[in-house]
Amino acid sequence: MLKIRLSMIGAKKRPIYKIVIADSRFPRDGRFIEKVGLFNPLLPKEKKERITIEAERVKHWISKGAKPTLRVSRILGEAQIMPMPKPGNNPNKAIPKKDRKKDGKEPKKEAPKQEAKKEEPKKEAPKQEAKKEEPKKGDKK
């Protein structure tokens, strides 16, 4: 399956991405079919050099069946080559994990476990007194 995706170039902590057409089985920075643009995330959004795309080639590959990844579809949406994808809805993503636990917004799977743990100490098994066994008629002690 053909994908339009990002392939990283650049130095450590200074990424620059090529926008490439590649088979989905190929490695991220490996073999690709055609390079159709560049994306530099370090530049401000206002600069034109941040995104350079060959729009005609992208449209050609989309017509051939290539599918852009989510990040590339956002880039193409900014460049007005294709419609912008719908934003995802994850309201908990903005909240740090440690705060999510305090607010009680944890998954429902963990809540019953906590309730069960709370109930266990409350229930105390009735204490059984040690019964003294009486010797049977046939025992010799």
C-alpha atoms as a PDB file:
ATOM      1  CA  MET A   1       0.000   0.000   0.000  1.00  0.00           C
ATOM      2  CA  LEU A   2       1.365   3.416  -0.924  1.00  0.00           C
ATOM      3  CA  LYS A   3       1.676   6.045   1.773  1.00  0.00           C
ATOM      4  CA  ILE A   4       2.542   9.721   1.697  1.00  0.00           C
ATOM      5  CA  ARG A   5       4.577  10.102   4.858  1.00  0.00           C
ATOM      6  CA  LEU A   6       7.431  11.888   6.565  1.00  0.00           C
ATOM      7  CA  SER A   7      11.006  10.642   6.382  1.00  0.00           C
ATOM      8  CA  MET A   8      13.408  12.228   8.858  1.00  0.00           C
ATOM      9  CA  ILE A   9      16.649  13.891   7.837  1.00  0.00           C
ATOM     10  CA  GLY A  10      18.744  16.370   9.789  1.00  0.00           C
ATOM     11  CA  ALA A  11      20.795  16.167  12.956  1.00  0.00           C
ATOM     12  CA  LYS A  12      19.925  15.098  16.474  1.00  0.00           C
ATOM     13  CA  LYS A  13      17.341  17.446  18.008  1.00  0.00           C
ATOM     14  CA  ARG A  14      17.254  19.398  14.700  1.00  0.00           C
ATOM     15  CA  PRO A  15      14.757  17.449  12.598  1.00  0.00           C
ATOM     16  CA  ILE A  16      13.826  18.188   9.021  1.00  0.00           C
ATOM     17  CA  TYR A  17      11.398  15.890   7.252  1.00  0.00           C
ATOM     18  CA  LYS A  18      11.101  14.871   3.615  1.00  0.00           C
ATOM     19  CA  ILE A  19       7.565  14.253   2.416  1.00  0.00           C
ATOM     20  CA  VAL A  20       7.861  11.053   0.404  1.00  0.00           C
ATOM     21  CA  ILE A  21       5.776   8.484  -1.405  1.00  0.00           C
ATOM     22  CA  ALA A  22       6.723   5.059  -0.052  1.00  0.00           C
ATOM     23  CA  ASP A  23       5.419   1.555   0.308  1.00  0.00           C
ATOM     24  CA  SER A  24       4.076   1.101   3.837  1.00  0.00           C
ATOM     25  CA  ARG A  25       6.366  -1.921   4.326  1.00  0.00           C
ATOM     26  CA  PHE A  26       9.532   0.128   3.825  1.00  0.00           C
ATOM     27  CA  PRO A  27      11.305   1.609   6.874  1.00  0.00           C
ATOM     28  CA  ARG A  28      10.578   5.227   7.820  1.00  0.00           C
ATOM     29  CA  ASP A  29      13.943   6.586   6.683  1.00  0.00           C
ATOM     30  CA  GLY A  30      14.546   3.869   4.105  1.00  0.00           C
ATOM     31  CA  ARG A  31      13.628   3.359   0.488  1.00  0.00           C
ATOM     32  CA  PHE A  32      10.983   5.565  -1.080  1.00  0.00           C
ATOM     33  CA  ILE A  33       9.478   6.005  -4.537  1.00  0.00           C
ATOM     34  CA  GLU A  34       9.488   9.785  -4.890  1.00  0.00           C
ATOM     35  CA  LYS A  35      10.242  12.856  -2.802  1.00  0.00           C
ATOM     36  CA  VAL A  36       7.419  15.399  -3.094  1.00  0.00           C
ATOM     37  CA  GLY A  37       8.315  18.005  -0.477  1.00  0.00           C
ATOM     38  CA  LEU A  38      10.031  19.176   2.710  1.00  0.00           C
ATOM     39  CA  PHE A  39       8.757  20.058   6.180  1.00  0.00           C
ATOM     40  CA  ASN A  40      10.836  21.975   8.741  1.00  0.00           C
ATOM     41  CA  PRO A  41       9.005  22.052  12.103  1.00  0.00           C
ATOM     42  CA  LEU A  42      11.612  24.330  13.696  1.00  0.00           C
ATOM     43  CA  LEU A  43      10.634  27.320  11.571  1.00  0.00           C
ATOM     44  CA  PRO A  44       7.698  29.545  12.627  1.00  0.00           C
ATOM     45  CA  LYS A  45       4.331  28.792  11.030  1.00  0.00           C
ATOM     46  CA  GLU A  46       4.279  32.130   9.195  1.00  0.00           C
ATOM     47  CA  LYS A  47       7.371  31.378   7.070  1.00  0.00           C
ATOM     48  CA  LYS A  48       6.857  29.914   3.610  1.00  0.00           C
ATOM     49  CA  GLU A  49      10.057  27.836   3.882  1.00  0.00           C
ATOM     50  CA  ARG A  50       8.457  25.734   6.648  1.00  0.00           C
ATOM     51  CA  ILE A  51       6.525  23.644   4.096  1.00  0.00           C
ATOM     52  CA  THR A  52       7.474  23.116   0.451  1.00  0.00           C
ATOM     53  CA  ILE A  53       5.311  20.732  -1.549  1.00  0.00           C
ATOM     54  CA  GLU A  54       4.977  19.768  -5.208  1.00  0.00           C
ATOM     55  CA  ALA A  55       1.167  19.941  -5.279  1.00  0.00           C
ATOM     56  CA  GLU A  56       0.765  18.402  -8.741  1.00  0.00           C
ATOM     57  CA  ARG A  57       2.787  15.315  -7.818  1.00  0.00           C
ATOM     58  CA  VAL A  58       0.905  14.872  -4.540  1.00  0.00           C
ATOM     59  CA  LYS A  59      -2.437  15.051  -6.366  1.00  0.00           C
ATOM     60  CA  HIS A  60      -1.110  12.570  -8.949  1.00  0.00           C
ATOM     61  CA  TRP A  61      -0.123  10.028  -6.253  1.00  0.00           C
ATOM     62  CA  ILE A  62      -3.392  10.475  -4.356  1.00  0.00           C
ATOM     63  CA  SER A  63      -5.232   9.679  -7.609  1.00  0.00           C
ATOM     64  CA  LYS A  64      -3.088   6.514  -7.895  1.00  0.00           C
ATOM     65  CA  GLY A  65      -4.229   5.417  -4.400  1.00  0.00           C
ATOM     66  CA  ALA A  66      -1.553   6.754  -2.065  1.00  0.00           C
ATOM     67  CA  LYS A  67      -2.922   7.635   1.372  1.00  0.00           C
ATOM     68  CA  PRO A  68      -1.362  10.377   3.508  1.00  0.00           C
ATOM     69  CA  THR A  69      -0.621   9.739   7.160  1.00  0.00           C
ATOM     70  CA  LEU A  70      -2.418  11.902   9.723  1.00  0.00           C
ATOM     71  CA  ARG A  71       0.508  14.322  10.122  1.00  0.00           C
ATOM     72  CA  VAL A  72       0.995  14.655   6.350  1.00  0.00           C
ATOM     73  CA  SER A  73      -2.738  15.198   5.841  1.00  0.00           C
ATOM     74  CA  ARG A  74      -2.529  18.105   8.315  1.00  0.00           C
ATOM     75  CA  ILE A  75       0.431  19.526   6.392  1.00  0.00           C
ATOM     76  CA  LEU A  76      -1.447  19.155   3.105  1.00  0.00           C
ATOM     77  CA  GLY A  77      -4.465  20.809   4.731  1.00  0.00           C
ATOM     78  CA  GLU A  78      -2.338  23.787   5.773  1.00  0.00           C
ATOM     79  CA  ALA A  79      -1.044  24.030   2.204  1.00  0.00           C
ATOM     80  CA  GLN A  80      -4.676  23.833   0.976  1.00  0.00           C
ATOM     81  CA  ILE A  81      -3.989  20.846  -1.264  1.00  0.00           C
ATOM     82  CA  MET A  82      -6.644  18.705   0.423  1.00  0.00           C
ATOM     83  CA  PRO A  83      -9.236  19.343   3.163  1.00  0.00           C
ATOM     84  CA  MET A  84      -7.974  19.561   6.732  1.00  0.00           C
ATOM     85  CA  PRO A  85      -8.727  16.376   8.739  1.00  0.00           C
ATOM     86  CA  LYS A  86     -11.112  16.562  11.673  1.00  0.00           C
ATOM     87  CA  PRO A  87      -9.389  17.177  15.002  1.00  0.00           C
ATOM     88  CA  GLY A  88      -9.376  14.257  17.425  1.00  0.00           C
ATOM     89  CA  ASN A  89     -11.251  14.419  20.717  1.00  0.00           C
ATOM     90  CA  ASN A  90      -9.123  13.492  23.705  1.00  0.00           C
ATOM     91  CA  PRO A  91     -10.005  15.846  26.579  1.00  0.00           C
ATOM     92  CA  ASN A  92      -7.760  14.003  29.054  1.00  0.00           C
ATOM     93  CA  LYS A  93      -4.648  14.568  26.947  1.00  0.00           C
ATOM     94  CA  ALA A  94      -4.261  18.122  28.235  1.00  0.00           C
ATOM     95  CA  ILE A  95      -4.327  16.950  31.857  1.00  0.00           C
ATOM     96  CA  PRO A  96      -1.089  15.526  33.300  1.00  0.00           C
ATOM     97  CA  LYS A  97      -1.337  11.847  34.266  1.00  0.00           C
ATOM     98  CA  LYS A  98      -0.770  12.443  37.966  1.00  0.00           C
ATOM     99  CA  ASP A  99      -3.669  14.913  38.045  1.00  0.00           C
ATOM    100  CA  ARG A 100      -5.960  12.556  36.135  1.00  0.00           C
ATOM    101  CA  LYS A 101      -5.650   9.980  38.904  1.00  0.00           C
ATOM    102  CA  LYS A 102      -6.452  12.516  41.622  1.00  0.00           C
ATOM    103  CA  ASP A 103      -9.602  13.740  39.890  1.00  0.00           C
ATOM    104  CA  GLY A 104     -10.999  10.226  39.567  1.00  0.00           C
ATOM    105  CA  LYS A 105     -10.954  10.261  35.760  1.00  0.00           C
ATOM    106  CA  GLU A 106      -9.338   6.853  35.545  1.00  0.00           C
ATOM    107  CA  PRO A 107     -10.658   4.067  33.360  1.00  0.00           C
ATOM    108  CA  LYS A 108     -13.643   2.192  34.777  1.00  0.00           C
ATOM    109  CA  LYS A 109     -11.631  -1.032  35.010  1.00  0.00           C
ATOM    110  CA  GLU A 110      -9.578   0.190  37.969  1.00  0.00           C
ATOM    111  CA  ALA A 111     -12.471   1.673  39.963  1.00  0.00           C
ATOM    112  CA  PRO A 112     -14.070  -1.686  40.914  1.00  0.00           C
ATOM    113  CA  LYS A 113     -10.696  -3.008  42.046  1.00  0.00           C
ATOM    114  CA  GLN A 114     -10.274  -0.096  44.426  1.00  0.00           C
ATOM    115  CA  GLU A 115     -13.797  -0.520  45.790  1.00  0.00           C
ATOM    116  CA  ALA A 116     -13.198  -4.221  46.314  1.00  0.00           C
ATOM    117  CA  LYS A 117     -10.019  -3.472  48.236  1.00  0.00           C
ATOM    118  CA  LYS A 118     -11.871  -1.000  50.427  1.00  0.00           C
ATOM    119  CA  GLU A 119     -14.621  -3.494  51.205  1.00  0.00           C
ATOM    120  CA  GLU A 120     -12.284  -6.320  52.198  1.00  0.00           C
ATOM    121  CA  PRO A 121     -10.983  -4.770  55.460  1.00  0.00           C
ATOM    122  CA  LYS A 122     -14.538  -3.924  56.557  1.00  0.00           C
ATOM    123  CA  LYS A 123     -15.644  -7.537  56.360  1.00  0.00           C
ATOM    124  CA  GLU A 124     -14.066  -9.497  59.142  1.00  0.00           C
ATOM    125  CA  ALA A 125     -14.431 -13.210  59.286  1.00  0.00           C
ATOM    126  CA  PRO A 126     -15.996 -14.422  62.551  1.00  0.00           C
ATOM    127  CA  LYS A 127     -13.278 -15.614  64.865  1.00  0.00           C
ATOM    128  CA  GLN A 128     -13.466 -19.268  65.641  1.00  0.00           C
ATOM    129  CA  GLU A 129     -12.327 -20.401  69.031  1.00  0.00           C
ATOM    130  CA  ALA A 130      -9.982 -23.320  69.154  1.00  0.00           C
ATOM    131  CA  LYS A 131     -12.005 -26.297  70.301  1.00  0.00           C
ATOM    132  CA  LYS A 132     -10.388 -28.753  72.567  1.00  0.00           C
ATOM    133  CA  GLU A 133     -10.808 -32.204  71.249  1.00  0.00           C
ATOM    134  CA  GLU A 134     -12.011 -34.647  73.768  1.00  0.00           C
ATOM    135  CA  PRO A 135     -10.261 -37.980  73.684  1.00  0.00           C
ATOM    136  CA  LYS A 136     -12.270 -40.762  72.200  1.00  0.00           C
ATOM    137  CA  LYS A 137     -13.035 -43.856  74.125  1.00  0.00           C
ATOM    138  CA  GLY A 138     -10.467 -45.917  72.216  1.00  0.00           C
ATOM    139  CA  ASP A 139      -7.564 -43.370  72.373  1.00  0.00           C
ATOM    140  CA  LYS A 140      -4.811 -43.831  74.939  1.00  0.00           C
ATOM    141  CA  LYS A 141      -3.166 -40.623  76.080  1.00  0.00           C
END
